[in-house]
Amino acid sequence: MATTVGIGLLATTTGRARTKKLRDNVENNNVIMKNFKKHGAFRKIPGGRSVVYEMAYAQNPTPTWVGPAGQVSLQATNELDAAEYVWKYQLGSVTYTIAEQRMNDGEKFIDLVGGKYMVLEASMGNDFQTGLLSDGTGFGGLQIGGLGLLLSKTPTTGTVGGIDRSAADAAFYRNYAFNSATSWALGTINSGNVKQAYSQAINNTIRGEDRVKFAIAGDTHYNALDQDLQSIQRTQSDKEGSAGFESDALYYRGIPFYYGGGISFDGADLVQDDLTYLINPKEKGLEIVFQEDSYFDLLEDKQSQDQAVKNQLMFNMCCMGGNFLRGSAVVFDT
């Protein structure tokens, strides 16, 4: 038998295969990631200390109509600013003993190693999806800031991307928030008014042809829309219908609404039952960014110095941000 150096061929190739499978699963089976990638809001970049989004947040107030010898203001103006997002880091590991390796030699060894990577794959994917829905306060503030942060129920408070959204001149960086308790007099969202609520959110985020591309709704809101649409024949393109979870989307005003409930294997909260995110993903507008060499990357294996144990780490370096949060909305009851 050939001498094995390091983790061994089977373990190494199995790990690499599982890493590729994890990347595919994260991109294809995560409704947020799949739609961000579909609309060009999924980037891999070489690196940098942070991710910065420059933006023109105000009009130049000097343009005017004048007579033949008219004058124009020469006042200094400030229309440019930037948001800055720091990198967030996700780490997982596979560990097994040399004894396990020896006892599971041959075909069983493949099952052992593959099984361990499969569990890591599922755990990393679940944890990442939870992060995309989070407000970034988990794990002592080390978690990626997701939709809960960027599309806040209280967009006139808090600091996002280094911008204090409570400031009077920070309105350009606030998402639209529709609260059924204060935004109208029709009460909580139900099958009789759900489309009106969604239309208000859509209409308040449109900029020309730039508009909401998809939505993800909690159980109560999704069921309300489903009931409302029962009498209407729902249609979708073959392309949409052939893509797994997309075939179960509800369509309103051409926008797919996905179910944000269901099974949570990591025990984390899914989309709040009485809440819907209406999202306009676009490159640098609202996007997910990865460091190109740290996208669920499998690092070199390590042998413990004082134990017959081997381990291998999986590393992910990412952030979520953009310069056009005004193009997205959150609709909620509580």
Protein backbone atom coordinates (compact mmCIF):
# COMPACT_ATOMS: atom_id res chain seq x y z
CA MET A 1 0.00 0.00 0.00
CA ALA A 2 1.30 3.44 -0.90
CA THR A 3 2.34 5.72 1.94
CA THR A 4 -0.21 8.42 2.79
CA VAL A 5 1.12 11.91 3.42
CA GLY A 6 -1.19 14.36 5.17
CA ILE A 7 -4.91 13.73 5.06
CA GLY A 8 -4.74 11.30 2.17
CA LEU A 9 -6.11 11.25 -1.36
CA LEU A 10 -9.61 10.03 -0.55
CA ALA A 11 -10.17 12.54 2.24
CA THR A 12 -8.72 15.38 0.23
CA THR A 13 -10.74 14.72 -2.91
CA THR A 14 -13.87 14.07 -0.86
CA GLY A 15 -13.41 17.37 0.97
CA ARG A 16 -12.92 19.29 -2.24
CA ALA A 17 -15.97 17.66 -3.80
CA ARG A 18 -18.06 18.57 -0.76
CA THR A 19 -16.78 22.16 -0.91
CA LYS A 20 -17.92 22.47 -4.53
CA LYS A 21 -21.25 20.91 -3.63
CA LEU A 22 -21.66 23.36 -0.76
CA ARG A 23 -21.05 26.31 -3.07
CA ASP A 24 -23.56 24.95 -5.57
CA ASN A 25 -26.17 24.34 -2.85
CA VAL A 26 -25.72 27.79 -1.32
CA GLU A 27 -26.14 29.44 -4.72
CA ASN A 28 -28.95 27.25 -6.06
CA ASN A 29 -31.04 26.27 -3.03
CA ASN A 30 -30.94 29.53 -1.10
CA VAL A 31 -33.70 31.76 -2.45
CA ILE A 32 -31.86 34.95 -1.49
CA MET A 33 -28.51 33.92 -2.97
CA LYS A 34 -30.03 32.52 -6.15
CA ASN A 35 -31.93 35.72 -6.88
CA PHE A 36 -29.00 37.97 -6.03
CA LYS A 37 -26.83 35.98 -8.41
CA LYS A 38 -29.55 35.99 -11.08
CA HIS A 39 -29.71 39.79 -11.00
CA GLY A 40 -25.96 40.41 -10.96
CA ALA A 41 -25.77 41.23 -7.26
CA PHE A 42 -23.28 38.48 -6.41
CA ARG A 43 -19.64 39.52 -6.62
CA LYS A 44 -16.24 38.07 -5.83
CA ILE A 45 -13.46 40.62 -5.41
CA PRO A 46 -9.71 40.36 -4.72
CA GLY A 47 -9.95 41.85 -1.24
CA GLY A 48 -9.36 45.18 0.46
CA ARG A 49 -9.65 46.42 4.03
CA SER A 50 -13.41 46.84 3.60
CA VAL A 51 -16.06 47.19 0.89
CA VAL A 52 -16.91 50.83 0.09
CA TYR A 53 -19.93 52.07 -1.85
CA GLU A 54 -19.65 55.57 -3.26
CA MET A 55 -22.88 57.35 -4.05
CA ALA A 56 -24.35 60.62 -5.25
CA TYR A 57 -27.03 61.18 -2.64
CA ALA A 58 -28.38 64.63 -3.55
CA GLN A 59 -29.05 66.92 -6.49
CA ASN A 60 -26.79 69.80 -7.38
CA PRO A 61 -29.06 72.75 -6.52
CA THR A 62 -27.46 75.28 -8.90
CA PRO A 63 -29.13 74.53 -12.27
CA THR A 64 -31.64 77.22 -13.23
CA TRP A 65 -33.23 78.94 -16.23
CA VAL A 66 -31.81 82.38 -16.97
CA GLY A 67 -32.01 85.28 -19.42
CA PRO A 68 -29.26 86.20 -21.92
CA ALA A 69 -27.07 87.68 -19.17
CA GLY A 70 -28.36 85.58 -16.32
CA GLN A 71 -26.31 84.37 -13.40
CA VAL A 72 -25.96 81.03 -11.71
CA SER A 73 -25.03 80.22 -8.14
CA LEU A 74 -21.42 79.37 -7.45
CA GLN A 75 -22.09 77.99 -3.98
CA ALA A 76 -20.11 74.96 -2.92
CA THR A 77 -22.24 71.84 -2.75
CA ASN A 78 -21.80 68.38 -1.30
CA GLU A 79 -23.61 65.61 -3.11
CA LEU A 80 -21.20 62.69 -2.67
CA ASP A 81 -20.76 60.26 0.18
CA ALA A 82 -19.92 56.60 0.75
CA ALA A 83 -21.00 53.65 2.86
CA GLU A 84 -18.41 51.23 4.22
CA TYR A 85 -18.94 47.60 5.17
CA VAL A 86 -16.38 45.51 7.02
CA TRP A 87 -15.72 41.90 6.13
CA LYS A 88 -17.45 39.14 8.07
CA TYR A 89 -15.87 35.74 8.57
CA GLN A 90 -17.47 32.30 8.79
CA LEU A 91 -15.47 29.28 9.86
CA GLY A 92 -16.23 25.56 10.21
CA SER A 93 -14.16 22.45 10.73
CA VAL A 94 -13.99 18.72 10.10
CA THR A 95 -12.11 16.69 12.70
CA TYR A 96 -11.47 12.97 12.98
CA THR A 97 -9.02 10.72 14.76
CA ILE A 98 -6.39 8.48 13.22
CA ALA A 99 -8.17 5.60 14.97
CA GLU A 100 -11.36 6.42 13.08
CA GLN A 101 -9.36 6.59 9.89
CA ARG A 102 -7.81 3.18 10.47
CA MET A 103 -11.09 1.53 11.57
CA ASN A 104 -12.87 2.92 8.52
CA ASP A 105 -10.17 2.04 6.01
CA GLY A 106 -11.32 1.12 2.53
CA GLU A 107 -14.85 1.80 1.38
CA LYS A 108 -16.12 2.61 4.86
CA PHE A 109 -13.46 5.30 5.18
CA ILE A 110 -15.02 7.09 2.22
CA ASP A 111 -18.36 7.05 4.03
CA LEU A 112 -16.82 8.46 7.21
CA VAL A 113 -15.03 11.34 5.56
CA GLY A 114 -17.83 12.09 3.13
CA GLY A 115 -20.35 12.03 5.98
CA LYS A 116 -18.36 14.51 8.03
CA TYR A 117 -18.00 16.91 5.12
CA MET A 118 -21.67 16.52 4.29
CA VAL A 119 -22.65 17.60 7.82
CA LEU A 120 -20.24 20.55 7.66
CA GLU A 121 -21.69 21.49 4.27
CA ALA A 122 -25.24 21.54 5.61
CA SER A 123 -24.23 23.40 8.76
CA MET A 124 -22.26 26.10 6.92
CA GLY A 125 -25.09 26.57 4.42
CA ASN A 126 -27.77 26.84 7.10
CA ASP A 127 -25.67 29.23 9.15
CA PHE A 128 -24.99 31.41 6.12
CA GLN A 129 -28.67 31.59 5.14
CA THR A 130 -29.53 32.59 8.71
CA GLY A 131 -26.95 35.36 8.41
CA LEU A 132 -28.51 36.71 5.21
CA LEU A 133 -31.76 37.24 7.14
CA SER A 134 -30.12 38.62 10.28
CA ASP A 135 -29.54 42.10 11.66
CA GLY A 136 -25.86 41.29 12.22
CA THR A 137 -26.02 41.22 16.03
CA GLY A 138 -25.56 37.46 16.36
CA PHE A 139 -22.31 35.95 17.66
CA GLY A 140 -21.47 39.14 19.51
CA GLY A 141 -21.88 41.27 16.39
CA LEU A 142 -19.57 39.07 14.28
CA GLN A 143 -22.42 37.73 12.10
CA ILE A 144 -22.94 39.10 8.61
CA GLY A 145 -25.46 41.94 8.56
CA GLY A 146 -28.31 40.74 6.37
CA LEU A 147 -31.79 41.89 5.42
CA GLY A 148 -32.72 42.47 9.06
CA LEU A 149 -30.10 45.24 9.15
CA LEU A 150 -30.25 46.68 5.65
CA LEU A 151 -34.05 46.60 5.27
CA SER A 152 -34.95 47.72 8.75
CA LYS A 153 -38.43 48.07 10.23
CA THR A 154 -37.14 51.35 11.70
CA PRO A 155 -35.04 52.84 8.89
CA THR A 156 -34.81 56.26 10.56
CA THR A 157 -32.68 54.82 13.37
CA GLY A 158 -29.34 53.07 13.66
CA THR A 159 -26.10 53.12 11.73
CA VAL A 160 -25.73 51.06 8.55
CA GLY A 161 -22.52 51.00 6.53
CA GLY A 162 -21.17 53.78 8.74
CA ILE A 163 -24.10 56.09 7.87
CA ASP A 164 -26.27 57.35 10.73
CA ARG A 165 -29.76 56.88 9.29
CA SER A 166 -31.31 59.06 11.99
CA ALA A 167 -29.60 62.13 10.52
CA ALA A 168 -31.84 64.46 8.52
CA ASP A 169 -29.61 64.26 5.43
CA ALA A 170 -29.45 60.45 5.51
CA ALA A 171 -32.88 59.87 4.00
CA PHE A 172 -31.18 58.69 0.79
CA TYR A 173 -29.92 55.61 2.65
CA ARG A 174 -33.19 54.45 4.20
CA ASN A 175 -35.21 51.55 2.88
CA TYR A 176 -38.96 51.90 2.65
CA ALA A 177 -40.84 50.46 5.65
CA PHE A 178 -44.59 49.76 5.63
CA ASN A 179 -46.08 49.18 9.09
CA SER A 180 -49.70 48.04 8.90
CA ALA A 181 -50.32 49.61 12.31
CA THR A 182 -49.26 53.12 11.29
CA SER A 183 -48.96 53.31 7.47
CA TRP A 184 -52.68 52.95 6.76
CA ALA A 185 -56.07 52.40 8.41
CA LEU A 186 -56.85 48.93 7.02
CA GLY A 187 -55.40 46.97 9.93
CA THR A 188 -53.15 43.94 9.84
CA ILE A 189 -52.42 42.34 6.50
CA ASN A 190 -54.82 39.64 5.34
CA SER A 191 -56.10 38.12 2.12
CA GLY A 192 -58.37 41.11 1.57
CA ASN A 193 -55.70 43.79 1.62
CA VAL A 194 -52.34 42.10 1.09
CA LYS A 195 -51.99 43.24 -2.53
CA GLN A 196 -52.72 46.83 -1.55
CA ALA A 197 -49.92 46.72 1.01
CA TYR A 198 -47.49 45.21 -1.46
CA SER A 199 -48.45 47.77 -4.12
CA GLN A 200 -47.73 50.60 -1.72
CA ALA A 201 -44.28 49.17 -1.04
CA ILE A 202 -43.57 48.56 -4.73
CA ASN A 203 -44.75 52.02 -5.77
CA ASN A 204 -42.59 53.70 -3.14
CA THR A 205 -39.42 51.96 -4.34
CA ILE A 206 -39.70 52.29 -8.13
CA ARG A 207 -37.17 54.46 -9.97
CA GLY A 208 -38.04 54.32 -13.65
CA GLU A 209 -37.55 50.72 -14.73
CA ASP A 210 -35.49 50.03 -11.63
CA ARG A 211 -37.79 48.16 -9.26
CA VAL A 212 -38.25 45.28 -6.82
CA LYS A 213 -37.15 41.99 -8.42
CA PHE A 214 -38.32 39.42 -5.86
CA ALA A 215 -39.83 39.11 -2.39
CA ILE A 216 -39.63 36.66 0.47
CA ALA A 217 -42.65 36.48 2.76
CA GLY A 218 -43.26 35.02 6.21
CA ASP A 219 -45.93 32.39 6.75
CA THR A 220 -48.87 34.73 7.50
CA HIS A 221 -48.20 37.11 4.62
CA TYR A 222 -47.48 34.32 2.14
CA ASN A 223 -50.69 32.49 3.00
CA ALA A 224 -52.67 35.73 2.70
CA LEU A 225 -51.33 36.31 -0.82
CA ASP A 226 -51.91 32.66 -1.72
CA GLN A 227 -55.57 32.89 -0.66
CA ASP A 228 -56.03 36.16 -2.54
CA LEU A 229 -54.63 34.68 -5.73
CA GLN A 230 -56.68 31.46 -5.60
CA SER A 231 -59.21 32.80 -8.07
CA ILE A 232 -56.54 34.02 -10.45
CA GLN A 233 -54.64 31.68 -12.73
CA ARG A 234 -51.00 31.96 -11.75
CA THR A 235 -48.57 31.75 -14.62
CA GLN A 236 -44.81 31.65 -14.79
CA SER A 237 -42.16 31.10 -17.41
CA ASP A 238 -40.73 27.66 -18.11
CA LYS A 239 -37.38 29.00 -16.98
CA GLU A 240 -38.77 29.97 -13.57
CA GLY A 241 -40.80 26.81 -13.20
CA SER A 242 -37.89 24.49 -13.89
CA ALA A 243 -35.76 25.74 -11.04
CA GLY A 244 -36.95 23.84 -7.98
CA PHE A 245 -38.19 26.22 -5.31
CA GLU A 246 -38.99 28.88 -7.91
CA SER A 247 -41.89 26.76 -9.18
CA ASP A 248 -43.66 27.43 -5.87
CA ALA A 249 -43.42 31.21 -6.08
CA LEU A 250 -46.54 33.35 -6.05
CA TYR A 251 -46.59 36.16 -8.60
CA TYR A 252 -47.98 39.64 -8.14
CA ARG A 253 -47.25 42.50 -10.56
CA GLY A 254 -44.68 40.24 -12.20
CA ILE A 255 -42.72 39.82 -8.97
CA PRO A 256 -42.09 36.33 -7.54
CA PHE A 257 -42.97 36.01 -3.85
CA TYR A 258 -41.18 33.13 -2.12
CA TYR A 259 -42.16 31.34 1.08
CA GLY A 260 -39.90 32.38 3.94
CA GLY A 261 -41.10 29.77 6.44
CA GLY A 262 -40.59 26.04 6.56
CA ILE A 263 -38.06 23.81 8.29
CA SER A 264 -35.07 25.35 10.03
CA PHE A 265 -32.47 22.67 10.67
CA ASP A 266 -30.15 24.95 12.64
CA GLY A 267 -32.94 26.09 14.96
CA ALA A 268 -32.61 29.73 13.88
CA ASP A 269 -35.57 31.97 13.12
CA LEU A 270 -36.76 32.12 9.53
CA VAL A 271 -38.56 35.12 8.05
CA GLN A 272 -40.93 36.55 10.65
CA ASP A 273 -44.48 35.28 10.04
CA ASP A 274 -46.03 38.72 9.56
CA LEU A 275 -43.21 40.27 7.56
CA THR A 276 -42.21 40.46 3.90
CA TYR A 277 -38.98 41.69 2.32
CA LEU A 278 -39.37 43.19 -1.18
CA ILE A 279 -35.87 43.24 -2.62
CA ASN A 280 -34.18 45.01 -5.52
CA PRO A 281 -30.79 43.28 -5.86
CA LYS A 282 -28.30 44.94 -8.18
CA GLU A 283 -24.54 45.21 -8.48
CA LYS A 284 -23.32 47.73 -5.89
CA GLY A 285 -26.94 48.73 -5.20
CA LEU A 286 -27.80 45.86 -2.84
CA GLU A 287 -25.49 42.89 -3.17
CA ILE A 288 -23.56 40.06 -1.53
CA VAL A 289 -19.77 40.23 -1.85
CA PHE A 290 -17.15 37.53 -1.26
CA GLN A 291 -13.38 37.65 -1.16
CA GLU A 292 -12.61 35.61 -4.26
CA ASP A 293 -10.21 33.14 -2.60
CA SER A 294 -12.33 32.73 0.54
CA TYR A 295 -15.67 31.65 -0.83
CA PHE A 296 -16.36 28.57 1.32
CA ASP A 297 -12.73 27.68 0.83
CA LEU A 298 -11.29 24.44 2.21
CA LEU A 299 -7.98 25.27 3.91
CA GLU A 300 -4.98 22.99 4.25
CA ASP A 301 -5.43 20.11 6.66
CA LYS A 302 -3.55 20.07 9.97
CA GLN A 303 -2.22 17.25 12.15
CA SER A 304 -2.51 17.78 15.89
CA GLN A 305 0.93 18.05 17.55
CA ASP A 306 0.07 15.99 20.61
CA GLN A 307 -2.92 13.89 19.52
CA ALA A 308 -3.66 11.37 16.80
CA VAL A 309 -6.19 13.77 15.34
CA LYS A 310 -6.52 15.52 12.01
CA ASN A 311 -8.65 18.52 11.14
CA GLN A 312 -9.47 20.74 8.21
CA LEU A 313 -11.11 24.18 8.21
CA MET A 314 -13.60 25.75 5.83
CA PHE A 315 -13.45 29.55 5.57
CA ASN A 316 -15.86 32.11 4.15
CA MET A 317 -15.18 35.88 3.94
CA CYS A 318 -18.12 38.04 2.90
CA CYS A 319 -20.37 41.03 3.46
CA MET A 320 -23.76 42.33 2.33
CA GLY A 321 -24.34 45.99 1.46
CA GLY A 322 -24.86 48.54 -1.28
CA ASN A 323 -25.61 52.15 -2.19
CA PHE A 324 -29.30 51.92 -3.14
CA LEU A 325 -31.25 50.63 -0.16
CA ARG A 326 -34.12 52.96 -1.06
CA GLY A 327 -35.03 50.55 -3.83
CA SER A 328 -36.11 47.83 -1.39
CA ALA A 329 -38.78 47.58 1.27
CA VAL A 330 -40.06 45.71 4.30
CA VAL A 331 -43.77 45.21 4.97
CA PHE A 332 -44.76 44.09 8.47
CA ASP A 333 -47.50 43.94 11.10
CA THR A 334 -45.45 43.74 14.31
